[in-house]
């Protein structure tokens, strides 16, 4: 729970003052859309179960291996997942083979 207040809450609060362009264009190497087909099968099944019909989820890098995934509805970012171990492993929502991502 400390991680939420120490890291996540501050990062999310910072995003509130930014534009879409600031978040997803200027910082596109850290924050970017991911096609649903690129998500692991468990994540795809969960989207279906939650009846979320998005073509892409948007990944926000909160630092190190911390990521949140969500979808946009108008100007609202709806958080679906929190991933505290993003990388080249089978537990993350979207596996990355890049080092230090």
PDB file of N, CA and C in Angstrom:
ATOM      1  N   UNK A   1       0.814  -1.187   0.000  1.00  0.00           N
ATOM      2  CA  UNK A   1       0.000   0.000   0.000  1.00  0.00           C
ATOM      3  C   UNK A   1       0.864   1.261   0.000  1.00  0.00           C
ATOM      4  N   UNK A   2       2.037   1.202   0.589  1.00  0.00           N
ATOM      5  CA  UNK A   2       2.929   2.366   0.573  1.00  0.00           C
ATOM      6  C   UNK A   2       3.307   2.743  -0.847  1.00  0.00           C
ATOM      7  N   UNK A   3       3.472   1.734  -1.700  1.00  0.00           N
ATOM      8  CA  UNK A   3       3.838   1.994  -3.091  1.00  0.00           C
ATOM      9  C   UNK A   3       2.785   2.860  -3.780  1.00  0.00           C
ATOM     10  N   UNK A   4       1.520   2.622  -3.462  1.00  0.00           N
ATOM     11  CA  UNK A   4       0.471   3.426  -4.072  1.00  0.00           C
ATOM     12  C   UNK A   4       0.649   4.896  -3.712  1.00  0.00           C
ATOM     13  N   UNK A   5       0.780   5.207  -2.443  1.00  0.00           N
ATOM     14  CA  UNK A   5       0.871   6.596  -1.998  1.00  0.00           C
ATOM     15  C   UNK A   5       2.221   7.229  -2.325  1.00  0.00           C
ATOM     16  N   UNK A   6       3.293   6.441  -2.288  1.00  0.00           N
ATOM     17  CA  UNK A   6       4.630   6.987  -2.520  1.00  0.00           C
ATOM     18  C   UNK A   6       4.958   7.181  -3.988  1.00  0.00           C
ATOM     19  N   UNK A   7       4.424   6.345  -4.851  1.00  0.00           N
ATOM     20  CA  UNK A   7       4.800   6.388  -6.267  1.00  0.00           C
ATOM     21  C   UNK A   7       3.594   6.624  -7.179  1.00  0.00           C
ATOM     22  N   UNK A   8       2.642   5.725  -7.118  1.00  0.00           N
ATOM     23  CA  UNK A   8       1.550   5.706  -8.084  1.00  0.00           C
ATOM     24  C   UNK A   8       0.670   6.949  -7.989  1.00  0.00           C
ATOM     25  N   UNK A   9       0.250   7.310  -6.801  1.00  0.00           N
ATOM     26  CA  UNK A   9      -0.647   8.448  -6.631  1.00  0.00           C
ATOM     27  C   UNK A   9      -0.026   9.729  -7.176  1.00  0.00           C
ATOM     28  N   UNK A  10       1.237   9.980  -6.852  1.00  0.00           N
ATOM     29  CA  UNK A  10       1.914  11.184  -7.359  1.00  0.00           C
ATOM     30  C   UNK A  10       2.005  11.192  -8.879  1.00  0.00           C
ATOM     31  N   UNK A  11       2.330  10.051  -9.461  1.00  0.00           N
ATOM     32  CA  UNK A  11       2.429   9.966 -10.924  1.00  0.00           C
ATOM     33  C   UNK A  11       1.075  10.236 -11.576  1.00  0.00           C
ATOM     34  N   UNK A  12       0.023   9.624 -11.047  1.00  0.00           N
ATOM     35  CA  UNK A  12      -1.306   9.838 -11.613  1.00  0.00           C
ATOM     36  C   UNK A  12      -1.744  11.287 -11.457  1.00  0.00           C
ATOM     37  N   UNK A  13      -1.413  11.881 -10.346  1.00  0.00           N
ATOM     38  CA  UNK A  13      -1.754  13.279 -10.121  1.00  0.00           C
ATOM     39  C   UNK A  13      -1.027  14.172 -11.125  1.00  0.00           C
ATOM     40  N   UNK A  14       0.221  13.841 -11.447  1.00  0.00           N
ATOM     41  CA  UNK A  14       0.969  14.605 -12.453  1.00  0.00           C
ATOM     42  C   UNK A  14       0.333  14.498 -13.838  1.00  0.00           C
ATOM     43  N   UNK A  15      -0.180  13.316 -14.175  1.00  0.00           N
ATOM     44  CA  UNK A  15      -0.822  13.133 -15.476  1.00  0.00           C
ATOM     45  C   UNK A  15      -2.049  14.029 -15.619  1.00  0.00           C
ATOM     46  N   UNK A  16      -2.718  14.346 -14.528  1.00  0.00           N
ATOM     47  CA  UNK A  16      -3.925  15.174 -14.588  1.00  0.00           C
ATOM     48  C   UNK A  16      -3.668  16.547 -15.196  1.00  0.00           C
ATOM     49  N   UNK A  17      -2.468  17.064 -15.022  1.00  0.00           N
ATOM     50  CA  UNK A  17      -2.161  18.400 -15.528  1.00  0.00           C
ATOM     51  C   UNK A  17      -1.584  18.372 -16.942  1.00  0.00           C
ATOM     52  N   UNK A  18      -1.507  17.206 -17.542  1.00  0.00           N
ATOM     53  CA  UNK A  18      -0.908  17.064 -18.864  1.00  0.00           C
ATOM     54  C   UNK A  18      -1.986  16.844 -19.924  1.00  0.00           C
ATOM     55  N   UNK A  19      -1.647  17.168 -21.158  1.00  0.00           N
ATOM     56  CA  UNK A  19      -2.550  16.925 -22.278  1.00  0.00           C
ATOM     57  C   UNK A  19      -2.293  15.530 -22.845  1.00  0.00           C
ATOM     58  N   UNK A  20      -3.213  15.088 -23.683  1.00  0.00           N
ATOM     59  CA  UNK A  20      -3.038  13.816 -24.379  1.00  0.00           C
ATOM     60  C   UNK A  20      -1.702  13.811 -25.114  1.00  0.00           C
ATOM     61  N   UNK A  21      -1.411  14.920 -25.788  1.00  0.00           N
ATOM     62  CA  UNK A  21      -0.165  15.041 -26.546  1.00  0.00           C
ATOM     63  C   UNK A  21       1.057  14.925 -25.637  1.00  0.00           C
ATOM     64  N   UNK A  22       1.005  15.557 -24.476  1.00  0.00           N
ATOM     65  CA  UNK A  22       2.123  15.467 -23.528  1.00  0.00           C
ATOM     66  C   UNK A  22       2.363  14.024 -23.105  1.00  0.00           C
ATOM     67  N   UNK A  23       1.303  13.307 -22.864  1.00  0.00           N
ATOM     68  CA  UNK A  23       1.414  11.951 -22.330  1.00  0.00           C
ATOM     69  C   UNK A  23       1.750  10.931 -23.406  1.00  0.00           C
ATOM     70  N   UNK A  24       1.002  10.943 -24.515  1.00  0.00           N
ATOM     71  CA  UNK A  24       1.123   9.863 -25.497  1.00  0.00           C
ATOM     72  C   UNK A  24       1.880  10.216 -26.767  1.00  0.00           C
ATOM     73  N   UNK A  25       2.198  11.480 -26.991  1.00  0.00           N
ATOM     74  CA  UNK A  25       2.961  11.849 -28.190  1.00  0.00           C
ATOM     75  C   UNK A  25       4.386  12.229 -27.791  1.00  0.00           C
ATOM     76  N   UNK A  26       4.515  13.203 -26.932  1.00  0.00           N
ATOM     77  CA  UNK A  26       5.846  13.653 -26.515  1.00  0.00           C
ATOM     78  C   UNK A  26       6.586  12.586 -25.717  1.00  0.00           C
ATOM     79  N   UNK A  27       5.857  11.784 -24.958  1.00  0.00           N
ATOM     80  CA  UNK A  27       6.479  10.733 -24.137  1.00  0.00           C
ATOM     81  C   UNK A  27       6.107   9.351 -24.668  1.00  0.00           C
ATOM     82  N   UNK A  28       6.046   9.216 -25.997  1.00  0.00           N
ATOM     83  CA  UNK A  28       5.558   7.978 -26.607  1.00  0.00           C
ATOM     84  C   UNK A  28       6.448   6.768 -26.377  1.00  0.00           C
ATOM     85  N   UNK A  29       7.706   6.977 -26.006  1.00  0.00           N
ATOM     86  CA  UNK A  29       8.550   5.812 -25.716  1.00  0.00           C
ATOM     87  C   UNK A  29       8.213   5.218 -24.354  1.00  0.00           C
ATOM     88  N   UNK A  30       7.604   6.009 -23.486  1.00  0.00           N
ATOM     89  CA  UNK A  30       7.233   5.525 -22.153  1.00  0.00           C
ATOM     90  C   UNK A  30       5.749   5.202 -22.055  1.00  0.00           C
ATOM     91  N   UNK A  31       4.921   5.978 -22.703  1.00  0.00           N
ATOM     92  CA  UNK A  31       3.466   5.828 -22.641  1.00  0.00           C
ATOM     93  C   UNK A  31       2.946   5.647 -24.054  1.00  0.00           C
ATOM     94  N   UNK A  32       2.231   4.563 -24.287  1.00  0.00           N
ATOM     95  CA  UNK A  32       1.843   4.266 -25.669  1.00  0.00           C
ATOM     96  C   UNK A  32       0.670   3.300 -25.722  1.00  0.00           C
ATOM     97  N   UNK A  33      -0.033   3.312 -26.860  1.00  0.00           N
ATOM     98  CA  UNK A  33      -1.095   2.329 -27.045  1.00  0.00           C
ATOM     99  C   UNK A  33      -0.502   0.962 -27.384  1.00  0.00           C
ATOM    100  N   UNK A  34      -1.225  -0.070 -26.999  1.00  0.00           N
ATOM    101  CA  UNK A  34      -0.827  -1.451 -27.298  1.00  0.00           C
ATOM    102  C   UNK A  34      -2.046  -2.152 -27.873  1.00  0.00           C
ATOM    103  N   UNK A  35      -1.905  -2.730 -29.053  1.00  0.00           N
ATOM    104  CA  UNK A  35      -3.011  -3.480 -29.648  1.00  0.00           C
ATOM    105  C   UNK A  35      -3.397  -4.621 -28.714  1.00  0.00           C
ATOM    106  N   UNK A  36      -4.686  -4.868 -28.603  1.00  0.00           N
ATOM    107  CA  UNK A  36      -5.190  -5.909 -27.710  1.00  0.00           C
ATOM    108  C   UNK A  36      -4.591  -7.267 -28.070  1.00  0.00           C
ATOM    109  N   UNK A  37      -4.339  -7.500 -29.361  1.00  0.00           N
ATOM    110  CA  UNK A  37      -3.761  -8.785 -29.784  1.00  0.00           C
ATOM    111  C   UNK A  37      -2.367  -9.021 -29.211  1.00  0.00           C
ATOM    112  N   UNK A  38      -1.691  -7.962 -28.789  1.00  0.00           N
ATOM    113  CA  UNK A  38      -0.337  -8.085 -28.234  1.00  0.00           C
ATOM    114  C   UNK A  38      -0.337  -8.412 -26.739  1.00  0.00           C
ATOM    115  N   UNK A  39      -1.495  -8.327 -26.106  1.00  0.00           N
ATOM    116  CA  UNK A  39      -1.594  -8.633 -24.682  1.00  0.00           C
ATOM    117  C   UNK A  39      -1.542 -10.141 -24.478  1.00  0.00           C
ATOM    118  N   UNK A  40      -1.156 -10.575 -23.278  1.00  0.00           N
ATOM    119  CA  UNK A  40      -1.163 -12.010 -23.035  1.00  0.00           C
ATOM    120  C   UNK A  40      -2.600 -12.524 -23.054  1.00  0.00           C
ATOM    121  N   UNK A  41      -2.760 -13.815 -23.239  1.00  0.00           N
ATOM    122  CA  UNK A  41      -4.082 -14.417 -23.428  1.00  0.00           C
ATOM    123  C   UNK A  41      -4.977 -14.207 -22.205  1.00  0.00           C
ATOM    124  N   UNK A  42      -4.410 -14.259 -21.016  1.00  0.00           N
ATOM    125  CA  UNK A  42      -5.196 -14.042 -19.799  1.00  0.00           C
ATOM    126  C   UNK A  42      -5.778 -12.630 -19.806  1.00  0.00           C
ATOM    127  N   UNK A  43      -4.978 -11.654 -20.206  1.00  0.00           N
ATOM    128  CA  UNK A  43      -5.439 -10.269 -20.275  1.00  0.00           C
ATOM    129  C   UNK A  43      -6.536 -10.120 -21.331  1.00  0.00           C
ATOM    130  N   UNK A  44      -6.366 -10.749 -22.475  1.00  0.00           N
ATOM    131  CA  UNK A  44      -7.389 -10.685 -23.521  1.00  0.00           C
ATOM    132  C   UNK A  44      -8.710 -11.280 -23.033  1.00  0.00           C
ATOM    133  N   UNK A  45      -8.619 -12.414 -22.346  1.00  0.00           N
ATOM    134  CA  UNK A  45      -9.824 -13.052 -21.817  1.00  0.00           C
ATOM    135  C   UNK A  45     -10.500 -12.181 -20.761  1.00  0.00           C
ATOM    136  N   UNK A  46      -9.701 -11.512 -19.948  1.00  0.00           N
ATOM    137  CA  UNK A  46     -10.252 -10.641 -18.901  1.00  0.00           C
ATOM    138  C   UNK A  46     -10.994  -9.450 -19.526  1.00  0.00           C
ATOM    139  N   UNK A  47     -10.436  -8.878 -20.580  1.00  0.00           N
ATOM    140  CA  UNK A  47     -11.125  -7.787 -21.276  1.00  0.00           C
ATOM    141  C   UNK A  47     -12.484  -8.253 -21.789  1.00  0.00           C
ATOM    142  N   UNK A  48     -12.499  -9.446 -22.356  1.00  0.00           N
ATOM    143  CA  UNK A  48     -13.749 -10.000 -22.874  1.00  0.00           C
ATOM    144  C   UNK A  48     -14.757 -10.207 -21.745  1.00  0.00           C
ATOM    145  N   UNK A  49     -14.287 -10.769 -20.642  1.00  0.00           N
ATOM    146  CA  UNK A  49     -15.169 -11.013 -19.495  1.00  0.00           C
ATOM    147  C   UNK A  49     -15.733  -9.703 -18.936  1.00  0.00           C
ATOM    148  N   UNK A  50     -14.906  -8.645 -18.917  1.00  0.00           N
ATOM    149  CA  UNK A  50     -15.357  -7.342 -18.431  1.00  0.00           C
ATOM    150  C   UNK A  50     -16.154  -6.570 -19.477  1.00  0.00           C
ATOM    151  N   UNK A  51     -16.289  -7.162 -20.666  1.00  0.00           N
ATOM    152  CA  UNK A  51     -16.999  -6.568 -21.797  1.00  0.00           C
ATOM    153  C   UNK A  51     -16.407  -5.215 -22.197  1.00  0.00           C
ATOM    154  N   UNK A  52     -15.086  -5.182 -22.212  1.00  0.00           N
ATOM    155  CA  UNK A  52     -14.366  -3.990 -22.657  1.00  0.00           C
ATOM    156  C   UNK A  52     -13.979  -4.217 -24.106  1.00  0.00           C
ATOM    157  N   UNK A  53     -14.540  -3.425 -24.988  1.00  0.00           N
ATOM    158  CA  UNK A  53     -14.307  -3.575 -26.416  1.00  0.00           C
ATOM    159  C   UNK A  53     -13.397  -2.458 -26.904  1.00  0.00           C
ATOM    160  N   UNK A  54     -12.154  -2.569 -26.585  1.00  0.00           N
ATOM    161  CA  UNK A  54     -11.168  -1.573 -27.006  1.00  0.00           C
ATOM    162  C   UNK A  54     -10.232  -2.213 -28.018  1.00  0.00           C
ATOM    163  N   UNK A  55      -9.846  -1.458 -29.029  1.00  0.00           N
ATOM    164  CA  UNK A  55      -8.877  -1.965 -29.997  1.00  0.00           C
ATOM    165  C   UNK A  55      -7.477  -1.947 -29.407  1.00  0.00           C
ATOM    166  N   UNK A  56      -7.262  -0.990 -28.491  1.00  0.00           N
ATOM    167  CA  UNK A  56      -5.947  -0.856 -27.879  1.00  0.00           C
ATOM    168  C   UNK A  56      -6.111  -0.434 -26.422  1.00  0.00           C
ATOM    169  N   UNK A  57      -5.130  -0.830 -25.632  1.00  0.00           N
ATOM    170  CA  UNK A  57      -5.018  -0.331 -24.268  1.00  0.00           C
ATOM    171  C   UNK A  57      -3.853   0.645 -24.254  1.00  0.00           C
ATOM    172  N   UNK A  58      -3.890   1.559 -23.351  1.00  0.00           N
ATOM    173  CA  UNK A  58      -2.815   2.542 -23.232  1.00  0.00           C
ATOM    174  C   UNK A  58      -2.003   2.236 -22.000  1.00  0.00           C
ATOM    175  N   UNK A  59      -0.712   2.055 -22.213  1.00  0.00           N
ATOM    176  CA  UNK A  59       0.222   1.738 -21.144  1.00  0.00           C
ATOM    177  C   UNK A  59       0.880   3.029 -20.657  1.00  0.00           C
ATOM    178  N   UNK A  60       0.864   3.232 -19.348  1.00  0.00           N
ATOM    179  CA  UNK A  60       1.553   4.366 -18.746  1.00  0.00           C
ATOM    180  C   UNK A  60       2.688   3.841 -17.883  1.00  0.00           C
ATOM    181  N   UNK A  61       3.881   4.310 -18.152  1.00  0.00           N
ATOM    182  CA  UNK A  61       5.049   3.917 -17.361  1.00  0.00           C
ATOM    183  C   UNK A  61       5.122   4.826 -16.137  1.00  0.00           C
ATOM    184  N   UNK A  62       5.109   4.192 -14.972  1.00  0.00           N
ATOM    185  CA  UNK A  62       5.167   4.948 -13.730  1.00  0.00           C
ATOM    186  C   UNK A  62       6.566   4.965 -13.137  1.00  0.00           C
ATOM    187  N   UNK A  63       7.474   4.202 -13.728  1.00  0.00           N
ATOM    188  CA  UNK A  63       8.854   4.139 -13.264  1.00  0.00           C
ATOM    189  C   UNK A  63       9.301   2.697 -13.164  1.00  0.00           C
ATOM    190  N   UNK A  64      10.577   2.458 -13.414  1.00  0.00           N
ATOM    191  CA  UNK A  64      11.121   1.101 -13.307  1.00  0.00           C
ATOM    192  C   UNK A  64      10.252   0.103 -14.024  1.00  0.00           C
ATOM    193  N   UNK A  65       9.779  -0.892 -13.294  1.00  0.00           N
ATOM    194  CA  UNK A  65       8.930  -1.927 -13.868  1.00  0.00           C
ATOM    195  C   UNK A  65       7.444  -1.689 -13.610  1.00  0.00           C
ATOM    196  N   UNK A  66       7.100  -0.525 -13.093  1.00  0.00           N
ATOM    197  CA  UNK A  66       5.703  -0.208 -12.794  1.00  0.00           C
ATOM    198  C   UNK A  66       4.980   0.313 -14.026  1.00  0.00           C
ATOM    199  N   UNK A  67       3.842  -0.315 -14.348  1.00  0.00           N
ATOM    200  CA  UNK A  67       3.004   0.117 -15.459  1.00  0.00           C
ATOM    201  C   UNK A  67       1.551   0.038 -15.034  1.00  0.00           C
ATOM    202  N   UNK A  68       0.737   0.889 -15.621  1.00  0.00           N
ATOM    203  CA  UNK A  68      -0.704   0.710 -15.546  1.00  0.00           C
ATOM    204  C   UNK A  68      -1.222   0.660 -16.965  1.00  0.00           C
ATOM    205  N   UNK A  69      -2.283  -0.104 -17.149  1.00  0.00           N
ATOM    206  CA  UNK A  69      -2.903  -0.269 -18.459  1.00  0.00           C
ATOM    207  C   UNK A  69      -4.364   0.127 -18.350  1.00  0.00           C
ATOM    208  N   UNK A  70      -4.832   0.822 -19.361  1.00  0.00           N
ATOM    209  CA  UNK A  70      -6.219   1.225 -19.357  1.00  0.00           C
ATOM    210  C   UNK A  70      -6.666   1.604 -20.748  1.00  0.00           C
ATOM    211  N   UNK A  71      -7.892   2.065 -20.836  1.00  0.00           N
ATOM    212  CA  UNK A  71      -8.433   2.485 -22.124  1.00  0.00           C
ATOM    213  C   UNK A  71      -9.058   3.864 -21.963  1.00  0.00           C
ATOM    214  N   UNK A  72      -9.138   4.550 -23.078  1.00  0.00           N
ATOM    215  CA  UNK A  72      -9.688   5.900 -23.085  1.00  0.00           C
ATOM    216  C   UNK A  72     -11.150   5.876 -23.509  1.00  0.00           C
ATOM    217  N   UNK A  73     -11.968   6.610 -22.771  1.00  0.00           N
ATOM    218  CA  UNK A  73     -13.351   6.872 -23.141  1.00  0.00           C
ATOM    219  C   UNK A  73     -13.497   8.377 -23.109  1.00  0.00           C
ATOM    220  N   UNK A  74     -13.443   8.983 -24.285  1.00  0.00           N
ATOM    221  CA  UNK A  74     -13.433  10.442 -24.332  1.00  0.00           C
ATOM    222  C   UNK A  74     -12.164  10.956 -23.674  1.00  0.00           C
ATOM    223  N   UNK A  75     -12.318  11.749 -22.641  1.00  0.00           N
ATOM    224  CA  UNK A  75     -11.167  12.318 -21.938  1.00  0.00           C
ATOM    225  C   UNK A  75     -10.829  11.556 -20.655  1.00  0.00           C
ATOM    226  N   UNK A  76     -11.469  10.411 -20.469  1.00  0.00           N
ATOM    227  CA  UNK A  76     -11.285   9.642 -19.238  1.00  0.00           C
ATOM    228  C   UNK A  76     -10.420   8.414 -19.502  1.00  0.00           C
ATOM    229  N   UNK A  77      -9.377   8.256 -18.686  1.00  0.00           N
ATOM    230  CA  UNK A  77      -8.512   7.075 -18.744  1.00  0.00           C
ATOM    231  C   UNK A  77      -9.011   6.099 -17.687  1.00  0.00           C
ATOM    232  N   UNK A  78      -9.491   4.958 -18.126  1.00  0.00           N
ATOM    233  CA  UNK A  78     -10.020   3.927 -17.235  1.00  0.00           C
ATOM    234  C   UNK A  78      -8.948   2.884 -16.977  1.00  0.00           C
ATOM    235  N   UNK A  79      -8.500   2.780 -15.754  1.00  0.00           N
ATOM    236  CA  UNK A  79      -7.444   1.831 -15.400  1.00  0.00           C
ATOM    237  C   UNK A  79      -8.034   0.433 -15.295  1.00  0.00           C
ATOM    238  N   UNK A  80      -7.364  -0.509 -15.974  1.00  0.00           N
ATOM    239  CA  UNK A  80      -7.798  -1.898 -15.956  1.00  0.00           C
ATOM    240  C   UNK A  80      -6.799  -2.760 -15.185  1.00  0.00           C
ATOM    241  N   UNK A  81      -5.496  -2.494 -15.370  1.00  0.00           N
ATOM    242  CA  UNK A  81      -4.470  -3.300 -14.721  1.00  0.00           C
ATOM    243  C   UNK A  81      -3.361  -2.452 -14.133  1.00  0.00           C
ATOM    244  N   UNK A  82      -2.781  -3.000 -13.102  1.00  0.00           N
ATOM    245  CA  UNK A  82      -1.558  -2.482 -12.489  1.00  0.00           C
ATOM    246  C   UNK A  82      -0.535  -3.606 -12.611  1.00  0.00           C
ATOM    247  N   UNK A  83       0.621  -3.305 -13.154  1.00  0.00           N
ATOM    248  CA  UNK A  83       1.675  -4.308 -13.355  1.00  0.00           C
ATOM    249  C   UNK A  83       2.940  -3.800 -12.679  1.00  0.00           C
ATOM    250  N   UNK A  84       3.355  -4.476 -11.612  1.00  0.00           N
ATOM    251  CA  UNK A  84       4.562  -4.042 -10.895  1.00  0.00           C
ATOM    252  C   UNK A  84       5.789  -4.852 -11.277  1.00  0.00           C
ATOM    253  N   UNK A  85       5.663  -5.684 -12.318  1.00  0.00           N
ATOM    254  CA  UNK A  85       6.807  -6.497 -12.747  1.00  0.00           C
ATOM    255  C   UNK A  85       6.865  -6.571 -14.272  1.00  0.00           C
ATOM    256  N   UNK A  86       6.740  -5.429 -14.926  1.00  0.00           N
ATOM    257  CA  UNK A  86       6.767  -5.380 -16.386  1.00  0.00           C
ATOM    258  C   UNK A  86       8.139  -5.812 -16.892  1.00  0.00           C
ATOM    259  N   UNK A  87       8.143  -6.580 -17.946  1.00  0.00           N
ATOM    260  CA  UNK A  87       9.412  -7.002 -18.537  1.00  0.00           C
ATOM    261  C   UNK A  87       9.252  -8.281 -19.330  1.00  0.00           C
ATOM    262  N   UNK A  88      10.302  -9.050 -19.371  1.00  0.00           N
ATOM    263  CA  UNK A  88      10.340 -10.295 -20.135  1.00  0.00           C
ATOM    264  C   UNK A  88       9.967 -11.451 -19.200  1.00  0.00           C
ATOM    265  N   UNK A  89       8.683 -11.527 -18.857  1.00  0.00           N
ATOM    266  CA  UNK A  89       8.208 -12.602 -18.001  1.00  0.00           C
ATOM    267  C   UNK A  89       6.763 -12.912 -18.359  1.00  0.00           C
ATOM    268  N   UNK A  90       6.261 -14.009 -17.828  1.00  0.00           N
ATOM    269  CA  UNK A  90       4.913 -14.458 -18.184  1.00  0.00           C
ATOM    270  C   UNK A  90       3.820 -13.864 -17.300  1.00  0.00           C
ATOM    271  N   UNK A  91       4.191 -13.085 -16.277  1.00  0.00           N
ATOM    272  CA  UNK A  91       3.191 -12.536 -15.364  1.00  0.00           C
ATOM    273  C   UNK A  91       2.693 -11.163 -15.796  1.00  0.00           C
ATOM    274  N   UNK A  92       3.394 -10.502 -16.695  1.00  0.00           N
ATOM    275  CA  UNK A  92       2.998  -9.142 -17.063  1.00  0.00           C
ATOM    276  C   UNK A  92       1.887  -9.155 -18.117  1.00  0.00           C
ATOM    277  N   UNK A  93       1.157  -8.078 -18.182  1.00  0.00           N
ATOM    278  CA  UNK A  93       0.028  -7.931 -19.093  1.00  0.00           C
ATOM    279  C   UNK A  93       0.487  -7.972 -20.541  1.00  0.00           C
ATOM    280  N   UNK A  94       1.570  -7.301 -20.826  1.00  0.00           N
ATOM    281  CA  UNK A  94       2.130  -7.265 -22.166  1.00  0.00           C
ATOM    282  C   UNK A  94       3.644  -7.475 -22.051  1.00  0.00           C
ATOM    283  N   UNK A  95       4.096  -8.618 -22.456  1.00  0.00           N
ATOM    284  CA  UNK A  95       5.494  -8.989 -22.313  1.00  0.00           C
ATOM    285  C   UNK A  95       6.387  -8.109 -23.175  1.00  0.00           C
ATOM    286  N   UNK A  96       7.510  -7.696 -22.609  1.00  0.00           N
ATOM    287  CA  UNK A  96       8.486  -6.890 -23.330  1.00  0.00           C
ATOM    288  C   UNK A  96       9.826  -7.601 -23.339  1.00  0.00           C
ATOM    289  N   UNK A  97      10.394  -7.710 -24.494  1.00  0.00           N
ATOM    290  CA  UNK A  97      11.704  -8.360 -24.602  1.00  0.00           C
ATOM    291  C   UNK A  97      12.834  -7.348 -24.567  1.00  0.00           C
ATOM    292  N   UNK A  98      12.475  -6.048 -24.447  1.00  0.00           N
ATOM    293  CA  UNK A  98      13.499  -5.012 -24.369  1.00  0.00           C
ATOM    294  C   UNK A  98      14.076  -4.960 -22.965  1.00  0.00           C
ATOM    295  N   UNK A  99      15.352  -4.691 -22.873  1.00  0.00           N
ATOM    296  CA  UNK A  99      15.999  -4.565 -21.566  1.00  0.00           C
ATOM    297  C   UNK A  99      15.618  -3.237 -20.931  1.00  0.00           C
ATOM    298  N   UNK A 100      15.454  -3.252 -19.609  1.00  0.00           N
ATOM    299  CA  UNK A 100      15.188  -2.068 -18.807  1.00  0.00           C
ATOM    300  C   UNK A 100      13.907  -1.336 -19.191  1.00  0.00           C
ATOM    301  N   UNK A 101      12.845  -2.103 -19.546  1.00  0.00           N
ATOM    302  CA  UNK A 101      11.563  -1.470 -19.860  1.00  0.00           C
ATOM    303  C   UNK A 101      10.484  -1.990 -18.962  1.00  0.00           C
TER     304      UNK A 101
END
